[in-house]
Amino acid sequence: MRKFAAFLTAIALTLTVGCGNNNNNNAANNAGNNAANNAANNAANNAAAGNQTTDAVTSVSVVDNNEAFKTAISPQGHWIAATLKDLTFTEDLVVDGQFTNKGAPARKIALYTQDADHNITNSFTLTAPKITIRSENTQIQGGTFVGDVYVEANGFKVINATIQGNVYFASDEYQASYTASDQGKVTGVTEVKK
């Protein structure tokens, strides 16, 4: 009987250790894969923006669904939130949290994909009734946002993108720090609305 109990204990320990190692290996592999993917996407997006080096402490959220996108633009997200397809929301969105790129505050909503030569291969449309920008130096880049934008932070930019709606600034200071690239366009008004 004692030999049988010892045998069962040995099997249980073997299974526990084996399963534990497998889970640890899977977690380590997933973490490594995620880090590698984030680093690659970060490098690609920085290069597309004309940056020659990447900030090793920043990373990218590449998403293809609404819940993941809402997390990506939240304080728990990353400095770049990139979508892989059109996304439509019936609720308002908020870009919040402070992130950096190369030691400066930065946030990017990337509505495009690109090839190895950094040419835009697809542009996407993000639709919501309203998006509120609370992260400093946020830029909407490479696609179309359909809805109104409410800016509550300095440095908002529209880079090679279209805002099909209005852009309202919470203060004169926020409006004064607004820029748009040659290909950046707002179809509605851009004004202070307190």
Protein backbone atom coordinates (compact mmCIF):
# COMPACT_ATOMS: atom_id res chain seq x y z
CA MET A 1 0.00 0.00 0.00
CA ARG A 2 2.82 2.44 0.86
CA LYS A 3 4.57 1.63 -2.41
CA PHE A 4 1.35 2.34 -4.31
CA ALA A 5 0.87 5.68 -2.48
CA ALA A 6 4.50 6.63 -3.18
CA PHE A 7 3.99 5.71 -6.83
CA LEU A 8 0.85 7.93 -7.08
CA THR A 9 2.69 10.78 -5.36
CA ALA A 10 5.58 10.51 -7.83
CA ILE A 11 3.18 10.59 -10.79
CA ALA A 12 1.32 13.59 -9.34
CA LEU A 13 4.60 15.47 -8.81
CA THR A 14 5.78 14.64 -12.31
CA LEU A 15 2.52 15.89 -13.83
CA THR A 16 2.54 19.04 -11.70
CA VAL A 17 6.14 19.90 -12.55
CA GLY A 18 5.64 19.05 -16.23
CA CYS A 19 2.46 21.12 -16.53
CA GLY A 20 4.02 23.97 -14.60
CA ASN A 21 7.04 24.03 -16.89
CA ASN A 22 4.82 23.89 -19.97
CA ASN A 23 2.74 26.83 -18.77
CA ASN A 24 5.87 28.78 -17.91
CA ASN A 25 7.35 28.01 -21.32
CA ASN A 26 4.13 29.09 -23.05
CA ALA A 27 4.02 32.30 -21.03
CA ALA A 28 7.67 32.99 -21.79
CA ASN A 29 7.16 32.25 -25.49
CA ASN A 30 4.07 34.48 -25.64
CA ALA A 31 5.85 37.31 -23.83
CA GLY A 32 8.84 36.99 -26.16
CA ASN A 33 6.67 36.92 -29.26
CA ASN A 34 4.66 39.92 -28.07
CA ALA A 35 7.81 41.89 -27.27
CA ALA A 36 9.32 41.06 -30.66
CA ASN A 37 6.12 42.01 -32.49
CA ASN A 38 5.82 45.23 -30.50
CA ALA A 39 9.43 46.18 -31.20
CA ALA A 40 9.04 45.47 -34.92
CA ASN A 41 5.82 47.46 -35.16
CA ASN A 42 7.31 50.32 -33.15
CA ALA A 43 10.31 50.48 -35.45
CA ALA A 44 8.10 50.43 -38.55
CA ASN A 45 5.81 53.16 -37.26
CA ASN A 46 8.72 55.36 -36.17
CA ALA A 47 10.32 54.98 -39.57
CA ALA A 48 7.02 55.89 -41.25
CA ALA A 49 6.97 59.06 -39.18
CA GLY A 50 10.50 59.90 -40.32
CA ASN A 51 12.21 58.88 -37.08
CA GLN A 52 15.49 57.04 -37.53
CA THR A 53 15.73 55.42 -34.09
CA THR A 54 13.24 53.83 -31.77
CA ASP A 55 12.63 54.30 -28.10
CA ALA A 56 13.25 50.94 -26.45
CA VAL A 57 10.78 51.60 -23.64
CA THR A 58 7.76 52.25 -25.86
CA SER A 59 5.57 49.72 -27.58
CA VAL A 60 2.61 49.40 -29.93
CA SER A 61 -0.93 48.05 -29.65
CA VAL A 62 -1.94 46.53 -33.00
CA VAL A 63 -5.65 45.70 -32.84
CA ASP A 64 -8.46 44.36 -34.99
CA ASN A 65 -11.52 44.69 -32.74
CA ASN A 66 -13.39 47.32 -30.74
CA GLU A 67 -12.55 46.14 -27.21
CA ALA A 68 -8.83 45.88 -27.96
CA PHE A 69 -8.88 49.35 -29.53
CA LYS A 70 -10.56 50.89 -26.45
CA THR A 71 -7.85 49.32 -24.28
CA ALA A 72 -5.12 50.51 -26.66
CA ILE A 73 -6.19 54.16 -26.36
CA SER A 74 -6.68 53.96 -22.58
CA PRO A 75 -4.06 54.68 -19.89
CA GLN A 76 -3.36 50.91 -19.95
CA GLY A 77 -2.53 51.00 -23.67
CA HIS A 78 0.63 51.98 -25.52
CA TRP A 79 1.88 55.12 -27.22
CA ILE A 80 0.73 53.82 -30.63
CA ALA A 81 -2.71 52.31 -31.17
CA ALA A 82 -2.78 50.82 -34.69
CA THR A 83 -5.82 49.21 -36.26
CA LEU A 84 -5.84 46.51 -38.92
CA LYS A 85 -9.36 47.22 -40.21
CA ASP A 86 -12.25 49.69 -40.12
CA LEU A 87 -13.77 50.04 -36.65
CA THR A 88 -17.19 51.48 -35.79
CA PHE A 89 -18.35 52.50 -32.30
CA THR A 90 -21.76 53.67 -31.13
CA GLU A 91 -20.26 55.09 -27.92
CA ASP A 92 -17.82 57.96 -27.40
CA LEU A 93 -14.09 57.20 -27.20
CA VAL A 94 -11.40 58.72 -24.96
CA VAL A 95 -7.66 58.78 -25.67
CA ASP A 96 -6.09 59.06 -22.23
CA GLY A 97 -2.81 58.42 -20.44
CA GLN A 98 0.65 59.90 -20.77
CA PHE A 99 3.15 58.07 -22.96
CA THR A 100 6.53 58.98 -24.40
CA ASN A 101 8.52 58.37 -27.54
CA LYS A 102 12.19 59.37 -27.48
CA GLY A 103 11.68 61.01 -24.10
CA ALA A 104 8.89 63.35 -25.24
CA PRO A 105 5.13 63.02 -24.69
CA ALA A 106 3.57 61.26 -27.68
CA ARG A 107 0.47 59.33 -28.71
CA LYS A 108 -0.49 58.06 -32.18
CA ILE A 109 -3.72 56.64 -33.56
CA ALA A 110 -2.45 54.81 -36.66
CA LEU A 111 -5.29 54.09 -39.08
CA TYR A 112 -3.15 52.32 -41.69
CA THR A 113 -0.82 49.43 -42.48
CA GLN A 114 2.46 49.72 -44.35
CA ASP A 115 4.91 47.59 -46.29
CA ALA A 116 8.60 47.02 -45.58
CA ASP A 117 9.44 50.25 -47.45
CA HIS A 118 7.02 52.21 -45.23
CA ASN A 119 4.52 52.80 -48.02
CA ILE A 120 0.92 52.84 -46.77
CA THR A 121 -0.74 49.67 -48.04
CA ASN A 122 -4.20 50.13 -46.48
CA SER A 123 -5.98 53.02 -44.81
CA PHE A 124 -8.83 52.48 -42.38
CA THR A 125 -11.82 54.37 -41.06
CA LEU A 126 -12.52 54.81 -37.37
CA THR A 127 -16.10 55.89 -36.67
CA ALA A 128 -17.51 57.12 -33.36
CA PRO A 129 -19.89 59.91 -32.36
CA LYS A 130 -17.04 61.63 -30.50
CA ILE A 131 -13.41 61.07 -29.53
CA THR A 132 -11.90 63.06 -26.68
CA ILE A 133 -8.13 63.61 -26.75
CA ARG A 134 -6.57 63.86 -23.27
CA SER A 135 -3.06 62.60 -24.09
CA GLU A 136 -0.46 65.24 -24.93
CA ASN A 137 0.86 65.31 -28.53
CA THR A 138 -1.74 62.89 -29.90
CA GLN A 139 -1.80 62.49 -33.65
CA ILE A 140 -4.36 60.81 -35.86
CA GLN A 141 -2.48 59.46 -38.85
CA GLY A 142 -2.99 57.69 -42.15
CA GLY A 143 -6.75 57.13 -42.37
CA THR A 144 -10.12 58.70 -41.63
CA PHE A 145 -11.91 59.47 -38.38
CA VAL A 146 -15.66 59.98 -38.80
CA GLY A 147 -17.08 61.96 -35.88
CA ASP A 148 -16.21 64.98 -33.78
CA VAL A 149 -12.89 65.41 -31.97
CA TYR A 150 -12.72 67.15 -28.59
CA VAL A 151 -9.17 68.19 -27.69
CA GLU A 152 -8.27 68.55 -24.00
CA ALA A 153 -4.46 68.45 -24.33
CA ASN A 154 -1.64 70.28 -26.12
CA GLY A 155 -0.10 69.21 -29.41
CA PHE A 156 -2.99 67.55 -31.29
CA LYS A 157 -2.05 66.74 -34.92
CA VAL A 158 -3.75 65.39 -38.04
CA ILE A 159 -1.08 63.70 -40.18
CA ASN A 160 -1.99 62.38 -43.65
CA ALA A 161 -5.50 61.77 -42.34
CA THR A 162 -9.02 63.17 -42.62
CA ILE A 163 -11.37 64.12 -39.82
CA GLN A 164 -14.91 63.93 -41.22
CA GLY A 165 -16.42 66.12 -38.54
CA ASN A 166 -15.47 69.01 -36.29
CA VAL A 167 -12.48 69.58 -34.04
CA TYR A 168 -13.31 71.40 -30.82
CA PHE A 169 -10.61 72.64 -28.45
CA ALA A 170 -11.20 73.06 -24.71
CA SER A 171 -8.95 76.16 -24.63
CA ASP A 172 -7.18 78.69 -26.83
CA GLU A 173 -3.88 77.13 -25.74
CA TYR A 174 -4.86 73.72 -27.10
CA GLN A 175 -5.99 75.25 -30.40
CA ALA A 176 -2.75 77.26 -30.71
CA SER A 177 -0.72 74.03 -30.41
CA TYR A 178 -2.77 72.22 -33.13
CA THR A 179 -1.10 71.31 -36.44
CA ALA A 180 -2.10 69.47 -39.59
CA SER A 181 0.18 68.12 -42.31
CA ASP A 182 -0.32 69.01 -45.97
CA GLN A 183 -2.45 65.88 -46.31
CA GLY A 184 -4.21 66.44 -42.97
CA LYS A 185 -7.77 67.65 -43.41
CA VAL A 186 -10.79 68.52 -41.26
CA THR A 187 -14.11 68.73 -43.13
CA GLY A 188 -15.91 70.66 -40.37
CA VAL A 189 -14.94 73.52 -38.09
CA THR A 190 -11.85 73.82 -35.90
CA GLU A 191 -12.75 76.09 -33.00
CA VAL A 192 -12.56 76.61 -29.27
CA LYS A 193 -15.65 75.27 -27.52
CA LYS A 194 -15.58 75.64 -23.76
